Protein backbone atom coordinates (compact mmCIF):
# COMPACT_ATOMS: atom_id res chain seq x y z
CA MET A 1 12.75 47.34 -20.02
CA LYS A 2 9.44 48.79 -18.74
CA PRO A 3 8.37 50.17 -22.03
CA ILE A 4 8.16 46.28 -23.35
CA LEU A 5 6.57 45.22 -20.47
CA ASN A 6 3.67 47.76 -21.46
CA LEU A 7 3.72 46.96 -24.72
CA GLY A 8 3.22 43.22 -23.89
CA CYS A 9 0.84 43.94 -22.13
CA ALA A 10 -1.04 46.07 -24.44
CA LEU A 11 -0.67 42.99 -26.31
CA GLY A 12 -2.36 40.84 -23.99
CA VAL A 13 0.51 38.69 -23.19
CA CYS A 14 1.06 40.16 -19.58
CA LEU A 15 0.95 37.93 -16.23
CA LEU A 16 -2.72 37.84 -14.83
CA SER A 17 -2.88 39.93 -11.82
CA GLY A 18 -5.42 40.04 -8.68
CA ALA A 19 -8.41 37.86 -8.43
CA ALA A 20 -8.00 36.63 -11.54
CA ALA A 21 -4.50 34.82 -10.82
CA ALA A 22 -6.04 34.05 -7.70
CA GLN A 23 -8.44 32.10 -9.57
CA SER A 24 -6.41 30.72 -11.74
CA GLY A 25 -4.57 29.14 -9.45
CA ARG A 26 -7.31 26.75 -8.05
CA PRO A 27 -7.79 23.06 -9.97
CA THR A 28 -10.19 22.59 -12.45
CA ILE A 29 -11.69 19.16 -11.63
CA ALA A 30 -14.65 17.06 -12.87
CA VAL A 31 -16.88 14.05 -10.72
CA SER A 32 -17.51 11.49 -12.76
CA GLU A 33 -20.53 9.37 -12.29
CA PHE A 34 -20.50 7.07 -9.20
CA THR A 35 -20.39 3.00 -9.34
CA ASN A 36 -21.59 0.88 -6.86
CA GLN A 37 -19.63 -2.49 -6.14
CA THR A 38 -21.23 -4.19 -3.39
CA SER A 39 -24.50 -5.98 -3.40
CA SER A 40 -25.42 -4.73 -0.12
CA ALA A 41 -26.60 -1.26 -1.01
CA TYR A 42 -30.44 -2.47 -1.32
CA TRP A 43 -30.98 1.57 -2.30
CA TRP A 44 -28.88 1.74 -5.47
CA GLY A 45 -30.67 2.16 -8.57
CA GLY A 46 -31.88 4.41 -11.53
CA ASP A 47 -29.65 7.67 -11.35
CA VAL A 48 -28.03 7.27 -7.93
CA GLY A 49 -24.47 7.49 -9.44
CA ARG A 50 -25.07 10.96 -10.99
CA GLN A 51 -26.68 11.89 -7.77
CA LEU A 52 -23.82 11.42 -5.97
CA SER A 53 -21.96 12.82 -7.95
CA ASP A 54 -23.55 16.13 -8.28
CA ALA A 55 -23.76 15.88 -4.59
CA LEU A 56 -20.36 15.76 -4.20
CA SER A 57 -19.67 18.56 -7.19
CA ASN A 58 -21.77 21.07 -4.78
CA GLU A 59 -19.88 20.10 -1.98
CA LEU A 60 -16.46 20.71 -3.33
CA SER A 61 -18.12 23.70 -5.45
CA SER A 62 -19.03 25.40 -2.03
CA THR A 63 -15.22 25.32 -0.56
CA GLY A 64 -14.36 27.99 -3.06
CA ASP A 65 -11.03 25.82 -3.87
CA PHE A 66 -12.04 24.45 -6.76
CA ASN A 67 -12.65 25.13 -10.23
CA VAL A 68 -16.00 22.71 -10.52
CA VAL A 69 -16.68 21.66 -14.68
CA GLU A 70 -19.83 20.27 -15.38
CA ARG A 71 -19.85 16.39 -16.76
CA GLN A 72 -22.93 15.27 -15.66
CA LYS A 73 -25.25 17.43 -17.85
CA LEU A 74 -22.65 18.16 -20.44
CA GLY A 75 -25.02 17.27 -23.21
CA ALA A 76 -27.22 19.78 -22.67
CA VAL A 77 -24.73 22.38 -22.69
CA ILE A 78 -23.37 21.11 -26.04
CA GLY A 79 -27.37 20.75 -27.27
CA GLU A 80 -27.23 25.00 -26.50
CA GLN A 81 -23.91 25.67 -28.55
CA ASP A 82 -25.40 23.81 -31.29
CA LEU A 83 -28.64 25.27 -31.46
CA ALA A 84 -26.73 28.82 -31.32
CA SER A 85 -24.52 27.94 -34.26
CA SER A 86 -27.81 26.35 -36.27
CA GLY A 87 -28.79 29.76 -37.26
CA ARG A 88 -32.29 29.35 -35.35
CA VAL A 89 -31.11 31.74 -32.75
CA ARG A 90 -30.81 35.40 -32.86
CA GLN A 91 -27.31 36.51 -33.79
CA GLY A 92 -24.98 37.27 -30.94
CA SER A 93 -27.36 36.19 -28.15
CA GLY A 94 -26.25 32.53 -27.90
CA PRO A 95 -23.23 31.02 -26.74
CA ARG A 96 -19.85 29.82 -28.63
CA THR A 97 -18.62 27.22 -28.95
CA GLY A 98 -14.78 26.16 -28.51
CA ASN A 99 -14.68 27.65 -24.85
CA ILE A 100 -15.60 24.72 -22.60
CA THR A 101 -13.24 24.29 -20.31
CA GLY A 102 -11.23 21.21 -19.66
CA ALA A 103 -10.91 19.03 -16.30
CA HIS A 104 -7.22 18.54 -15.72
CA TYR A 105 -8.36 16.03 -12.81
CA LEU A 106 -11.08 13.88 -13.01
CA ILE A 107 -12.62 12.73 -9.52
CA THR A 108 -14.19 8.94 -9.45
CA GLY A 109 -16.29 7.39 -6.80
CA ALA A 110 -17.27 3.84 -6.17
CA VAL A 111 -19.34 2.64 -3.37
CA THR A 112 -17.40 -0.31 -1.78
CA SER A 113 -18.93 -1.52 1.19
CA TYR A 114 -22.34 -0.93 2.66
CA THR A 115 -24.03 -2.12 6.01
CA GLU A 116 -27.28 -1.53 8.07
CA ASP A 117 -28.19 -3.06 11.19
CA THR A 118 -31.74 -2.60 12.54
CA SER A 119 -33.01 -3.67 15.75
CA HIS A 120 -36.05 -3.33 17.99
CA THR A 121 -36.10 -1.11 21.36
CA GLY A 122 -37.95 -2.09 24.55
CA GLY A 123 -41.37 -1.43 25.01
CA GLY A 124 -42.84 -2.89 22.01
CA LEU A 125 -46.64 -4.25 21.92
CA SER A 126 -48.40 -7.00 19.43
CA PHE A 127 -51.74 -6.88 18.39
CA HIS A 128 -53.39 -9.00 16.29
CA GLY A 129 -50.49 -9.34 14.46
CA MET A 130 -49.57 -5.55 14.19
CA SER A 131 -46.11 -4.93 16.49
CA PHE A 132 -46.24 -1.46 17.81
CA GLY A 133 -42.66 -0.28 19.14
CA GLY A 134 -39.64 1.86 18.44
CA GLY A 135 -36.25 0.79 16.77
CA LYS A 136 -32.82 2.09 16.24
CA SER A 137 -30.96 1.48 12.88
CA GLN A 138 -27.10 2.21 12.16
CA ALA A 139 -25.51 2.59 8.79
CA TYR A 140 -22.10 2.22 7.71
CA ILE A 141 -20.89 3.17 3.99
CA ALA A 142 -17.10 3.22 2.23
CA ILE A 143 -16.54 5.00 -0.70
CA ASP A 144 -13.09 4.31 -2.53
CA LEU A 145 -11.98 7.55 -3.97
CA ARG A 146 -9.71 8.60 -6.81
CA VAL A 147 -7.96 11.74 -8.55
CA ILE A 148 -6.94 11.47 -11.64
CA ASP A 149 -4.83 13.58 -13.87
CA SER A 150 -6.58 13.65 -17.08
CA GLU A 151 -3.36 14.30 -19.29
CA THR A 152 -1.30 11.31 -17.83
CA SER A 153 -4.18 9.28 -16.36
CA GLU A 154 -1.97 8.75 -13.27
CA VAL A 155 -4.16 8.28 -10.14
CA VAL A 156 -2.42 11.18 -8.16
CA TYR A 157 -4.13 10.54 -4.87
CA SER A 158 -6.62 7.87 -3.82
CA ARG A 159 -8.56 7.38 -0.41
CA THR A 160 -11.37 5.35 0.90
CA VAL A 161 -13.66 7.62 3.04
CA GLU A 162 -16.64 6.40 5.36
CA GLY A 163 -19.96 7.35 6.85
CA ASN A 164 -21.75 6.26 9.71
CA THR A 165 -25.00 7.36 11.48
CA THR A 166 -27.61 6.27 13.87
CA ASN A 167 -31.08 6.51 13.55
CA THR A 168 -33.67 5.90 16.07
CA GLN A 169 -37.39 5.93 15.22
CA VAL A 170 -40.90 5.50 16.45
CA GLY A 171 -42.88 3.07 13.91
CA ILE A 172 -45.83 0.83 13.37
CA GLY A 173 -45.12 -2.45 11.80
CA GLY A 174 -47.10 -5.44 10.50
CA TYR A 175 -46.09 -8.45 8.63
CA LEU A 176 -49.35 -10.28 6.85
CA ARG A 177 -50.02 -13.83 6.70
CA ASP A 178 -49.49 -14.21 3.15
CA GLY A 179 -45.89 -13.00 3.54
CA LEU A 180 -46.06 -9.74 2.65
CA GLY A 181 -44.52 -6.57 5.17
CA GLY A 182 -45.83 -3.53 5.50
CA THR A 183 -43.87 -0.74 7.77
CA PHE A 184 -45.55 2.56 8.36
CA SER A 185 -43.37 4.94 9.97
CA GLN A 186 -42.22 8.48 9.86
CA LYS A 187 -38.42 9.19 9.44
CA LYS A 188 -37.18 12.42 8.41
CA ASN A 189 -34.19 11.33 6.73
CA THR A 190 -33.05 7.47 6.34
CA PRO A 191 -29.58 6.04 7.75
CA ALA A 192 -28.50 5.09 4.32
CA GLY A 193 -29.02 8.83 3.44
CA LYS A 194 -27.54 10.20 6.54
CA ALA A 195 -24.39 7.77 6.09
CA VAL A 196 -24.21 8.63 2.20
CA ARG A 197 -24.25 12.48 3.01
CA GLY A 198 -21.91 12.19 6.05
CA ALA A 199 -19.23 10.08 3.48
CA LEU A 200 -20.00 12.66 0.49
CA VAL A 201 -18.60 15.78 3.27
CA GLU A 202 -15.80 13.55 4.25
CA ALA A 203 -14.66 13.19 0.68
CA SER A 204 -14.99 16.36 0.34
CA ASP A 205 -13.10 17.59 3.27
CA TYR A 206 -10.38 15.33 2.18
CA LEU A 207 -10.02 16.22 -1.16
CA ASP A 208 -10.11 20.34 -0.10
CA CYS A 209 -6.98 19.28 2.21
CA VAL A 210 -4.66 16.97 -0.10
CA MET A 211 -5.20 19.21 -3.38
CA ILE A 212 -5.24 22.80 -1.42
CA LYS A 213 -4.42 22.56 1.94
CA ARG A 214 -2.06 19.70 1.99
CA ASP A 215 0.27 19.58 5.18
CA SER A 216 -1.98 21.58 7.72
CA CYS A 217 -4.49 19.25 7.61
CA MET A 218 -3.04 15.38 6.40
CA ALA A 219 -2.42 14.27 9.92
CA SER A 220 -5.92 13.92 10.71
CA PHE A 221 -6.97 12.03 7.54
CA ASN A 222 -3.93 10.15 8.06
CA GLN A 223 -4.60 9.03 11.55
CA LYS A 224 -8.29 8.06 10.19
CA GLU A 225 -6.76 5.76 7.47
CA GLN A 226 -4.64 4.09 9.83
CA HIS A 227 -7.70 3.53 12.18
CA ARG A 228 -9.53 2.31 9.06
CA ARG A 229 -7.07 0.19 8.00
CA ASP A 230 -6.63 -1.45 11.25
CA GLY A 231 -10.09 -2.28 11.52
CA ASP A 232 -9.94 -4.04 8.28
CA ARG A 233 -6.82 -6.28 9.36
CA GLN A 234 -8.92 -7.20 12.51
CA VAL A 235 -11.66 -8.22 10.45
CA LEU A 236 -10.09 -10.03 8.14
CA ASP A 237 -7.84 -11.37 11.31
CA LEU A 238 -4.52 -10.54 9.90
CA GLN A 239 -1.95 -10.63 12.05
């Protein structure tokens, strides 16, 4: 039996071992471009959906638990392969075709809720139409996540993740007589940016939990989900 096993290994059909086997056990995922389903996300525009996808891909890759494959910039990869196969580059120096790794799971994200509240704090002064004072901004965002099996199209996991932040700022604001507003303030990060980043970190933690760690961390996420659902019921007055 042992000689047969050695022959099998020589033919390249023996089982993977060590680090290669560990790596093969990691799920291969791709993150699709995010979408916006709320009209209140005033900061949405341009390639924000792609930026959020890239940010979540980075978060998931940094866990070391996933094989993350590129999809947003796949055109550039295919273009390089096409160039290599065109005969215009030095033979053997370019990438070969037919080796792009397929994703077993597709991760989708949709912004379904965004609220921001800005309030002025005490100590403000007014002089010739200009206001000098402080303010506090609070932002909340909800992102619907789905994990889709790319072979069966089945939604295997889904969850709404949330991000909250509070930002205190000092600024100078003016409102011109013709109705045009002007604001001059120094803020390191906006409330929207902080809330989005918090939600993406939460999304990464949830996906790492439900797809890798499983039972050891689900209690915490189930508690958060129950709290969110209870809050929705109160808002909708469903008793």
